Protein backbone atom coordinates (compact mmCIF):
# COMPACT_ATOMS: atom_id res chain seq x y z
CA MET A 1 5.10 80.25 184.58
CA SER A 2 3.44 83.66 184.49
CA ASP A 3 3.72 83.73 180.69
CA THR A 4 1.85 80.45 180.47
CA GLN A 5 -0.95 81.77 182.67
CA THR A 6 -1.17 84.94 180.59
CA LEU A 7 -1.74 82.96 177.39
CA GLY A 8 -4.99 81.52 178.76
CA LEU A 9 -5.13 78.48 176.45
CA ASP A 10 -8.68 77.45 175.51
CA PHE A 11 -8.31 73.84 176.68
CA VAL A 12 -7.37 74.83 180.24
CA ALA A 13 -9.87 77.67 180.71
CA ASP A 14 -13.02 77.08 182.76
CA ASP A 15 -15.53 78.45 180.27
CA THR A 16 -18.99 78.80 181.82
CA LEU A 17 -20.72 80.60 178.94
CA ALA A 18 -24.27 79.58 178.13
CA GLY A 19 -24.79 77.27 175.15
CA PHE A 20 -25.07 73.57 174.48
CA ARG A 21 -21.71 71.92 175.19
CA LEU A 22 -20.66 68.29 175.06
CA GLN A 23 -21.08 66.95 178.59
CA ARG A 24 -20.35 63.27 177.98
CA LEU A 25 -19.54 61.05 174.99
CA GLU A 26 -20.25 57.29 175.21
CA VAL A 27 -19.41 54.65 172.60
CA PHE A 28 -20.21 50.95 172.59
CA ASN A 29 -18.70 48.60 170.00
CA TRP A 30 -17.42 51.59 168.01
CA GLY A 31 -14.14 50.98 166.23
CA THR A 32 -11.60 49.44 168.60
CA PHE A 33 -13.67 50.48 171.63
CA ASP A 34 -15.07 46.98 172.01
CA ASN A 35 -17.39 44.95 174.21
CA ARG A 36 -18.22 47.59 176.82
CA VAL A 37 -19.27 51.21 177.23
CA TRP A 38 -16.40 53.68 176.85
CA THR A 39 -17.01 57.15 178.26
CA LEU A 40 -15.34 60.50 177.60
CA GLN A 41 -16.26 63.08 180.26
CA ALA A 42 -15.93 66.51 178.63
CA ASN A 43 -18.07 68.26 181.30
CA GLY A 44 -18.83 71.12 178.91
CA GLN A 45 -15.18 72.18 178.72
CA ASN A 46 -12.76 72.36 175.80
CA THR A 47 -11.11 68.94 175.51
CA LEU A 48 -7.71 67.94 174.19
CA LEU A 49 -7.31 64.34 172.97
CA THR A 50 -3.79 62.92 173.14
CA GLY A 51 -2.41 59.44 172.63
CA ASP A 52 -0.30 57.17 170.50
CA ILE A 53 -1.01 56.46 166.87
CA GLY A 54 -3.97 54.09 166.64
CA SER A 55 -5.14 54.78 170.19
CA GLY A 56 -8.61 55.95 169.01
CA LYS A 57 -8.44 59.74 168.99
CA SER A 58 -9.91 60.07 165.48
CA THR A 59 -12.41 57.32 166.31
CA LEU A 60 -13.95 59.45 169.08
CA VAL A 61 -13.90 62.58 166.91
CA ASP A 62 -15.65 60.62 164.12
CA ALA A 63 -18.29 59.52 166.65
CA VAL A 64 -19.11 63.18 167.41
CA THR A 65 -19.14 63.97 163.68
CA THR A 66 -21.47 61.02 163.00
CA LEU A 67 -23.90 62.32 165.64
CA LEU A 68 -24.11 65.81 164.09
CA ALA A 69 -23.56 65.36 160.32
CA PRO A 70 -25.44 63.38 157.66
CA ALA A 71 -23.77 60.19 156.44
CA ASN A 72 -23.14 61.49 152.91
CA ARG A 73 -20.96 64.34 154.26
CA VAL A 74 -18.92 62.51 156.90
CA ALA A 75 -15.24 61.90 156.02
CA TYR A 76 -13.92 59.41 158.60
CA ASN A 77 -10.39 59.57 160.07
CA LYS A 78 -9.86 63.03 158.58
CA ALA A 79 -8.11 64.13 161.79
CA ALA A 80 -5.32 61.64 161.07
CA GLY A 81 -4.94 62.90 157.49
CA ALA A 82 -6.13 59.59 156.02
CA GLY A 83 -7.87 59.11 152.67
CA ASN A 84 -11.61 58.98 152.23
CA LYS A 85 -11.71 55.17 151.79
CA GLU A 86 -9.40 54.17 154.70
CA ARG A 87 -12.23 54.09 157.24
CA THR A 88 -15.95 53.69 156.75
CA LEU A 89 -19.02 53.31 158.91
CA LYS A 90 -18.84 49.55 158.42
CA SER A 91 -15.22 49.48 159.64
CA TYR A 92 -16.27 51.26 162.85
CA VAL A 93 -19.34 49.06 163.44
CA LEU A 94 -17.46 45.76 162.89
CA GLY A 95 -14.27 47.03 164.57
CA TYR A 96 -11.59 46.63 161.88
CA TYR A 97 -8.21 46.83 163.63
CA LYS A 98 -5.72 45.27 161.21
CA SER A 99 -5.33 43.65 157.78
CA GLU A 100 -4.30 40.09 156.91
CA ARG A 101 -2.80 39.02 153.59
CA ASN A 102 -4.03 35.84 151.96
CA GLU A 103 -1.02 33.62 151.30
CA VAL A 104 -2.61 32.11 148.20
CA SER A 105 -4.10 35.18 146.48
CA GLY A 106 -1.90 37.80 148.09
CA ALA A 107 -4.94 40.06 148.66
CA ALA A 108 -5.32 41.88 151.97
CA ARG A 109 -8.54 41.76 153.93
CA PRO A 110 -9.52 43.56 157.17
CA VAL A 111 -9.80 41.70 160.46
CA ALA A 112 -12.81 42.66 162.62
CA LEU A 113 -13.32 42.53 166.37
CA ARG A 114 -17.05 41.79 165.92
CA ASP A 115 -19.37 40.01 163.52
CA HIS A 116 -22.79 40.97 162.23
CA ASN A 117 -24.53 39.63 165.34
CA HIS A 118 -23.37 42.61 167.42
CA TYR A 119 -24.75 46.14 167.53
CA SER A 120 -23.04 49.47 168.14
CA VAL A 121 -24.14 52.64 169.93
CA ILE A 122 -22.69 56.15 170.02
CA LEU A 123 -24.23 58.65 172.45
CA GLY A 124 -23.58 62.30 173.25
CA VAL A 125 -25.04 64.28 176.14
CA PHE A 126 -25.15 68.08 175.58
CA HIS A 127 -25.97 70.49 178.41
CA ASN A 128 -26.80 74.20 178.41
CA ALA A 129 -25.80 75.56 181.82
CA GLY A 130 -27.31 78.97 181.07
CA TYR A 131 -30.83 77.51 180.67
CA ASP A 132 -30.31 74.24 182.58
CA GLN A 133 -31.32 72.18 179.52
CA THR A 134 -30.00 68.76 178.54
CA ILE A 135 -30.22 67.11 175.11
CA THR A 136 -29.10 63.54 174.38
CA LEU A 137 -28.30 62.41 170.82
CA ALA A 138 -27.59 58.79 169.98
CA GLN A 139 -27.34 56.47 167.00
CA VAL A 140 -27.72 52.68 166.99
CA PHE A 141 -26.02 50.56 164.26
CA TRP A 142 -26.37 46.89 163.36
CA THR A 143 -25.69 44.64 160.37
CA LYS A 144 -28.16 42.14 159.01
CA ASP A 145 -25.48 40.02 157.32
CA ALA A 146 -21.72 39.94 157.13
CA GLN A 147 -21.55 41.50 153.64
CA GLY A 148 -24.22 44.17 153.99
CA GLN A 149 -23.86 47.78 155.05
CA PRO A 150 -24.84 48.74 158.60
CA ALA A 151 -28.39 49.87 159.28
CA ARG A 152 -29.13 52.58 161.82
CA PHE A 153 -31.74 54.62 163.60
CA HIS A 154 -31.36 57.96 165.34
CA VAL A 155 -32.42 58.86 168.86
CA GLY A 156 -33.12 62.25 170.47
CA ALA A 157 -34.25 63.02 174.00
CA GLU A 158 -34.66 66.19 176.03
CA ARG A 159 -33.08 64.55 179.07
CA GLU A 160 -29.92 62.67 179.93
CA LEU A 161 -29.58 59.08 178.65
CA SER A 162 -26.82 56.52 178.90
CA ILE A 163 -25.93 53.41 176.91
CA ALA A 164 -25.86 51.13 179.93
CA ALA A 165 -29.26 52.22 181.27
CA ASP A 166 -31.22 52.86 178.09
CA PHE A 167 -29.59 50.85 175.24
CA ALA A 168 -28.86 47.48 176.87
CA GLY A 169 -30.81 44.49 178.12
CA PHE A 170 -33.46 44.51 175.38
CA GLY A 171 -32.85 41.02 173.96
CA SER A 172 -31.68 40.06 170.51
CA GLU A 173 -34.14 42.09 168.37
CA ILE A 174 -33.51 45.74 167.53
CA THR A 175 -37.27 46.30 167.26
CA ALA A 176 -37.53 45.62 170.99
CA LEU A 177 -35.04 48.43 171.63
CA ARG A 178 -37.04 50.78 169.39
CA LYS A 179 -40.23 49.93 171.25
CA ARG A 180 -38.64 50.44 174.65
CA LEU A 181 -37.17 53.82 173.66
CA ARG A 182 -40.49 55.08 172.30
CA GLY A 183 -42.17 53.96 175.52
CA ALA A 184 -39.65 56.01 177.51
CA ASP A 185 -40.73 59.28 175.82
CA VAL A 186 -37.72 59.28 173.48
CA GLU A 187 -37.84 60.44 169.84
CA VAL A 188 -36.76 57.73 167.35
CA PHE A 189 -36.00 58.63 163.71
CA ASP A 190 -35.31 56.29 160.78
CA SER A 191 -33.41 58.90 158.72
CA PHE A 192 -31.15 61.87 159.36
CA PRO A 193 -33.22 64.81 157.96
CA PRO A 194 -35.98 64.75 160.62
CA TYR A 195 -33.42 63.86 163.29
CA GLY A 196 -31.18 66.77 162.20
CA ALA A 197 -34.12 69.19 162.11
CA TRP A 198 -35.13 68.03 165.62
CA PHE A 199 -31.77 68.70 167.29
CA ARG A 200 -31.04 71.88 165.26
CA ARG A 201 -34.33 73.36 166.44
CA ARG A 202 -33.48 72.58 170.10
CA PHE A 203 -29.85 73.71 169.77
CA GLY A 204 -31.03 76.98 168.21
CA ILE A 205 -29.12 76.40 164.96
CA GLY A 206 -31.15 78.23 162.32
CA ASN A 207 -28.81 77.64 159.35
CA GLU A 208 -27.87 74.15 158.24
CA GLN A 209 -24.65 75.51 156.73
CA ALA A 210 -23.27 76.06 160.26
CA LEU A 211 -23.18 72.28 160.81
CA ASP A 212 -21.60 71.82 157.38
CA LEU A 213 -18.80 74.20 158.40
CA PHE A 214 -18.44 72.34 161.69
CA GLN A 215 -18.17 69.01 159.86
CA GLN A 216 -15.51 70.43 157.51
CA THR A 217 -13.37 71.97 160.26
CA VAL A 218 -13.90 69.65 163.23
CA SER A 219 -10.73 67.64 162.50
CA MET A 220 -8.65 70.36 160.82
CA LYS A 221 -5.10 70.58 162.16
CA SER A 222 -3.95 73.84 160.53
CA VAL A 223 -5.06 76.66 158.26
CA GLY A 224 -2.46 77.60 155.67
CA ASN A 225 -4.02 80.03 153.22
CA LEU A 226 -7.13 81.76 154.59
CA THR A 227 -8.57 82.36 151.12
CA GLY A 228 -8.14 78.70 150.25
CA PHE A 229 -9.70 77.71 153.56
CA VAL A 230 -12.78 79.84 152.90
CA ARG A 231 -13.10 78.52 149.34
CA ASP A 232 -12.56 74.86 150.26
CA HIS A 233 -14.43 74.66 153.57
CA MET A 234 -16.86 77.57 153.92
CA LEU A 235 -18.14 77.86 150.36
CA GLU A 236 -19.84 75.10 148.43
CA PRO A 237 -18.28 74.56 144.99
CA PHE A 238 -20.39 75.40 141.98
CA ASP A 239 -19.94 75.75 138.24
CA ILE A 240 -19.88 79.43 137.34
CA ALA A 241 -20.31 78.99 133.56
CA PRO A 242 -23.98 77.88 133.67
CA ARG A 243 -24.76 80.76 136.03
CA ILE A 244 -23.15 83.26 133.65
CA ASP A 245 -25.03 81.72 130.71
CA ALA A 246 -28.25 81.87 132.72
CA LEU A 247 -27.55 85.50 133.65
CA ILE A 248 -26.91 86.41 129.99
CA GLY A 249 -30.04 84.55 128.93
CA HIS A 250 -32.03 86.27 131.64
CA PHE A 251 -30.71 89.66 130.49
CA ASP A 252 -31.69 88.84 126.90
CA ASP A 253 -35.15 87.86 128.09
CA LEU A 254 -35.46 91.10 130.05
CA ASN A 255 -34.23 93.10 127.06
CA ARG A 256 -36.77 91.43 124.76
CA ALA A 257 -39.48 91.95 127.34
CA HIS A 258 -38.51 95.63 127.61
CA GLU A 259 -38.63 96.03 123.83
CA ALA A 260 -42.00 94.27 123.76
CA VAL A 261 -43.31 96.64 126.44
CA LEU A 262 -42.09 99.69 124.49
CA LYS A 263 -43.69 98.33 121.32
CA ALA A 264 -46.94 97.66 123.16
CA LYS A 265 -46.91 101.20 124.59
CA GLN A 266 -46.38 102.63 121.09
CA GLN A 267 -49.22 100.50 119.75
CA VAL A 268 -51.48 101.64 122.58
CA GLU A 269 -50.61 105.29 121.86
CA MET A 270 -51.38 104.76 118.18
CA LEU A 271 -54.61 102.86 118.76
CA THR A 272 -55.96 105.10 121.54
CA PRO A 273 -57.37 107.68 119.05
CA LEU A 274 -59.08 104.84 117.15
CA VAL A 275 -60.70 103.68 120.36
CA ALA A 276 -61.81 107.23 121.15
CA ASN A 277 -63.19 107.65 117.63
CA GLY A 278 -64.98 104.32 117.93
CA GLU A 279 -66.55 105.38 121.20
CA ARG A 280 -67.52 108.74 119.63
CA HIS A 281 -69.06 106.93 116.67
CA ALA A 282 -71.02 104.66 118.99
CA GLN A 283 -72.27 107.71 120.91
CA LEU A 284 -73.34 109.43 117.68
CA VAL A 285 -75.12 106.27 116.50
CA ASP A 286 -76.95 106.07 119.83
CA THR A 287 -77.86 109.76 119.63
CA ASN A 288 -79.09 109.36 116.04
CA THR A 289 -81.17 106.34 117.01
CA GLU A 290 -82.60 108.20 119.99
CA LEU A 291 -83.53 111.21 117.83
CA ARG A 292 -85.16 108.96 115.20
CA ASN A 293 -87.16 107.21 117.90
CA SER A 294 -88.16 110.59 119.33
CA ARG A 295 -89.27 111.76 115.89
CA GLU A 296 -91.35 108.61 115.42
CA ALA A 297 -92.89 109.24 118.83
CA LEU A 298 -93.98 112.78 117.84
CA ARG A 299 -96.94 111.54 115.74
CA PRO A 300 -98.77 109.78 118.59
CA TYR A 301 -97.73 112.59 120.95
CA PHE A 302 -99.29 115.29 118.79
CA ALA A 303 -102.29 113.04 118.15
CA GLN A 304 -102.79 112.85 121.90
CA LEU A 305 -102.52 116.63 122.19
CA LYS A 306 -105.02 117.03 119.33
CA LEU A 307 -107.40 114.61 120.99
CA GLU A 308 -107.25 116.57 124.22
CA LEU A 309 -107.88 119.84 122.32
CA LEU A 310 -110.81 118.32 120.40
CA GLU A 311 -112.35 117.01 123.59
CA SER A 312 -111.96 120.45 125.14
CA ARG A 313 -113.50 122.00 122.00
CA MET A 314 -116.44 119.60 122.09
CA THR A 315 -117.04 120.43 125.74
CA GLY A 316 -117.03 124.15 124.86
CA LEU A 317 -119.41 123.59 121.95
CA ARG A 318 -121.82 121.69 124.17
CA GLU A 319 -121.79 124.57 126.64
CA GLU A 320 -122.26 127.04 123.77
CA GLN A 321 -125.17 124.94 122.50
CA VAL A 322 -126.86 125.17 125.87
CA ARG A 323 -126.32 128.93 125.95
CA GLN A 324 -127.69 129.33 122.43
CA ASN A 325 -130.72 127.22 123.24
CA THR A 326 -131.33 129.42 126.26
CA ARG A 327 -130.95 132.50 124.10
CA ILE A 328 -133.35 131.07 121.51
CA ALA A 329 -135.91 130.52 124.24
CA SER A 330 -135.39 134.08 125.46
CA LEU A 331 -135.70 135.47 121.94
CA SER A 332 -138.87 133.47 121.42
CA GLU A 333 -140.33 135.06 124.52
CA GLN A 334 -139.19 138.49 123.29
CA GLN A 335 -140.75 137.75 119.90
CA ALA A 336 -144.05 136.90 121.53
CA THR A 337 -143.86 140.05 123.62
CA LEU A 338 -142.98 142.15 120.57
CA SER A 339 -145.81 140.58 118.60
CA ALA A 340 -148.20 141.53 121.37
CA ASN A 341 -146.72 145.02 121.44
CA ALA A 342 -147.07 145.26 117.64
CA GLY A 343 -150.74 144.40 117.87
CA GLU A 344 -151.20 146.95 120.61
CA LEU A 345 -149.32 149.53 118.55
CA ARG A 346 -151.52 148.85 115.58
CA ARG A 347 -154.54 149.49 117.72
CA SER A 348 -152.99 152.63 119.10
CA ILE A 349 -152.13 153.89 115.59
CA ALA A 350 -155.63 153.17 114.46
CA GLU A 351 -156.95 155.02 117.43
CA ASN A 352 -154.52 157.96 117.59
CA GLY A 353 -152.64 158.42 114.24
CA GLY A 354 -150.16 161.42 113.98
CA ASP A 355 -146.52 161.19 115.26
CA ARG A 356 -146.85 157.55 115.88
CA LEU A 357 -146.92 156.90 112.12
CA ASP A 358 -143.70 158.90 111.60
CA ARG A 359 -141.95 156.85 114.20
CA LEU A 360 -143.10 153.70 112.55
CA ALA A 361 -141.86 154.94 109.15
CA GLU A 362 -138.42 155.57 110.66
CA ASP A 363 -138.45 152.11 112.20
CA ILE A 364 -139.32 150.67 108.80
CA ARG A 365 -136.39 152.47 107.23
CA ILE A 366 -133.97 151.19 109.88
CA LYS A 367 -135.28 147.69 109.52
CA GLY A 368 -134.81 147.98 105.75
CA VAL A 369 -131.16 148.86 106.24
CA GLU A 370 -130.74 145.89 108.55
CA ARG A 371 -132.49 143.72 105.98
CA ASP A 372 -130.15 144.84 103.21
CA ALA A 373 -127.08 144.16 105.36
CA ARG A 374 -128.38 140.74 106.23
CA LYS A 375 -129.10 140.02 102.58
CA GLN A 376 -125.53 141.01 101.72
CA LYS A 377 -124.19 138.67 104.41
CA ALA A 378 -126.53 135.94 103.20
CA GLY A 379 -125.23 136.39 99.65
CA ARG A 380 -121.61 136.11 100.83
CA TYR A 381 -122.50 133.07 102.93
CA THR A 382 -124.19 131.47 99.89
CA ALA A 383 -121.09 132.12 97.74
CA LEU A 384 -118.81 130.58 100.35
CA VAL A 385 -121.09 127.54 100.75
CA GLU A 386 -121.19 127.00 97.01
CA ALA A 387 -117.39 127.39 96.86
CA ILE A 388 -117.02 124.36 99.12
CA GLY A 389 -119.64 122.37 97.18
CA GLY A 390 -122.65 123.06 99.44
CA GLN A 391 -126.15 124.50 98.87
CA ALA A 392 -127.58 127.71 100.23
CA CYS A 393 -129.96 127.43 103.19
CA LYS A 394 -133.59 128.37 102.75
CA ASP A 395 -134.70 128.37 106.38
CA GLU A 396 -133.32 128.59 109.90
CA PRO A 397 -133.25 124.81 110.73
CA SER A 398 -131.25 124.03 107.60
CA PHE A 399 -128.89 126.92 108.49
CA LEU A 400 -128.32 125.55 111.99
CA THR A 401 -127.72 122.06 110.57
CA GLN A 402 -125.34 123.42 108.00
CA ARG A 403 -123.46 125.44 110.62
CA GLY A 404 -122.88 122.24 112.65
CA GLU A 405 -121.59 120.48 109.54
CA HIS A 406 -119.29 123.40 108.85
CA GLY A 407 -117.92 123.13 112.41
CA HIS A 408 -116.98 119.49 111.73
CA LEU A 409 -115.44 120.52 108.43
CA LEU A 410 -113.40 123.17 110.26
CA GLU A 411 -112.00 120.63 112.73
CA THR A 412 -111.29 118.19 109.87
CA SER A 413 -109.47 120.88 107.92
CA ARG A 414 -107.43 121.83 110.97
CA SER A 415 -106.49 118.15 111.56
CA ARG A 416 -105.58 117.80 107.90
CA GLU A 417 -103.53 121.00 108.11
CA ALA A 418 -101.58 119.54 111.11
CA GLY A 419 -100.97 116.27 109.20
CA LEU A 420 -99.81 118.21 106.15
CA GLN A 421 -97.49 120.24 108.37
CA ASN A 422 -95.96 116.98 109.79
CA ASP A 423 -95.59 115.61 106.25
CA LEU A 424 -93.96 118.89 105.26
CA ASN A 425 -91.49 118.60 108.17
CA GLU A 426 -90.63 114.97 107.25
CA LEU A 427 -90.17 115.90 103.60
CA ALA A 428 -87.92 118.77 104.64
CA PHE A 429 -85.82 116.37 106.77
CA GLU A 430 -85.60 113.86 103.90
CA LEU A 431 -84.66 116.72 101.58
CA ARG A 432 -81.81 117.71 103.89
CA GLU A 433 -80.61 114.09 104.09
CA GLY A 434 -80.83 113.85 100.31
CA ARG A 435 -78.77 116.99 99.94
CA VAL A 436 -76.15 115.58 102.34
CA GLY A 437 -76.07 112.32 100.36
CA GLN A 438 -75.89 114.30 97.11
CA GLU A 439 -72.96 116.33 98.45
CA ALA A 440 -71.21 113.08 99.55
CA LEU A 441 -71.78 111.59 96.08
CA VAL A 442 -70.50 114.77 94.42
CA ASP A 443 -67.40 114.69 96.63
CA GLU A 444 -66.91 110.99 95.80
CA ILE A 445 -67.31 111.67 92.06
CA ASN A 446 -64.88 114.60 92.21
CA SER A 447 -62.42 112.44 94.19
CA LEU A 448 -62.74 109.61 91.63
CA LYS A 449 -62.22 112.08 88.79
CA ALA A 450 -59.05 113.33 90.48
CA ARG A 451 -57.63 109.80 90.98
CA ARG A 452 -56.80 106.92 88.71
CA SER A 453 -58.15 104.27 91.08
CA ASN A 454 -61.69 103.44 92.17
CA ILE A 455 -60.77 103.24 95.85
CA PRO A 456 -63.56 104.96 97.88
CA ALA A 457 -62.67 108.37 99.29
CA GLU A 458 -63.38 107.18 102.84
CA GLN A 459 -60.76 104.44 102.48
CA VAL A 460 -58.30 106.97 101.04
CA ARG A 461 -58.89 109.34 103.98
CA MET A 462 -58.42 106.44 106.42
CA ARG A 463 -55.11 105.53 104.76
CA THR A 464 -54.01 109.18 104.87
CA ALA A 465 -54.78 109.39 108.61
CA LEU A 466 -52.92 106.13 109.34
CA CYS A 467 -49.88 107.24 107.29
CA GLN A 468 -49.80 110.59 109.08
CA ALA A 469 -50.01 108.86 112.49
CA LEU A 470 -47.30 106.36 111.52
CA GLU A 471 -45.22 109.01 109.74
CA LEU A 472 -45.14 106.96 106.54
CA PRO A 473 -45.63 108.06 102.92
CA GLU A 474 -48.92 106.97 101.37
CA ALA A 475 -47.02 105.35 98.51
CA ASP A 476 -45.69 102.74 100.98
CA MET A 477 -49.24 101.60 101.85
CA PRO A 478 -51.07 100.99 98.53
CA TYR A 479 -54.39 99.17 98.30
CA VAL A 480 -54.57 95.98 96.29
CA GLY A 481 -56.82 97.71 93.77
CA GLU A 482 -54.05 100.24 93.06
CA LEU A 483 -51.57 97.49 92.28
CA ILE A 484 -53.77 95.61 89.76
CA GLN A 485 -53.51 96.77 86.14
CA VAL A 486 -56.43 96.46 83.75
CA ARG A 487 -55.79 94.68 80.48
CA GLU A 488 -55.29 96.88 77.44
CA ASP A 489 -58.39 95.51 75.73
CA GLU A 490 -60.57 96.20 78.82
CA ARG A 491 -59.60 99.84 79.46
CA ASP A 492 -63.27 100.85 79.55
CA TRP A 493 -63.51 99.23 82.98
CA GLU A 494 -60.67 101.32 84.39
CA GLY A 495 -61.59 104.21 86.70
């Protein structure tokens, strides 16, 4: 007796662990459980079903399986080791209990306890003692005609329901039962997926595969080979060949993609200098354009500077004119004074004579020297005026007029000198450009003389650079013009 107690069999232990456990199973018109509500009180404990063959053990197990598994995965009467076609949902709803053989045809047909005017209900109450929560799952079945397959709807409630109190006394229309259940704050589902998601979420079952494993093992009597059990019941079968082919194809795609990436990297490395050279060329073109524009802007710039200088010069000349006019007035006064003094001196000489005459003779000599110097300057001035196509002045007004004209000529000559200097600079720049072009033409001519083809030297240098970058001989990259041969009678056109 003590050995039996030590074993602690699961179905006699009072397990009070938290978790949703089957509290009560009710069936109505399910299989051979006919015409009333049949109840199995599990009370959250492990339950052992015993009975004679055909007493309904597998029928109750299939009711639990139907509540928790989708219809396409339920294998009825699996606990009894029967085939897949021995029992069906229709056989449970109509209550097939035996077969009769037709004496004429010899064919066997099932005999049902009920016809299509009845309905069936299976109901399970699950309770979580740890959280004091109760969930009721139920399914209602009916047939619209004797030959058709049963229809169903699924029911879920977060409280305890029973067939007698909640699924009876609604009349003859199933729609009335639906309406009454919805009015009682009960969830009604027309298909299994939303119903399954509803109770899995409340049971805390995150993985749908857990219920698949439950459905596969709920009626299992023994486990022979563990590896076979895992393969047959815990793993879904799949065809490995397509996966291997897909893996190989994926590897080939990755390999081609890798090769394409390497090729693209090599192309980028080869083309990067071209991009840099292109950017450098664009910068040089912009710089050249900017310098040309600056050179074109020099002419108006220097013209503005010249205008400012001329205006300053004119202002200075006007001031000088005022000073000279003032000086002329002063000299005129001095001349009048000196004339008066000369008259007085003449009177004094006439009156006194003597040393005064000697002084006057010396003054005459000095004035003669000054006269000769001024004549010499006047002669040089006359020669210079005639050299520029003018005429010598005969009096002071004409001299002043001519001096003003010569001032204008001086400014004009200076302006012309500046223009000639700009022209000289431009011609020097053009000369340098011409020399550069001449040198390029000489290089091109020398290159053409050294080659048999007329391919421009720039194109040849470009091909040489590309071949060096690609590590290829130039003979492997000929131009079309190097491959075309001139006819014998047209050799004069050959380079």
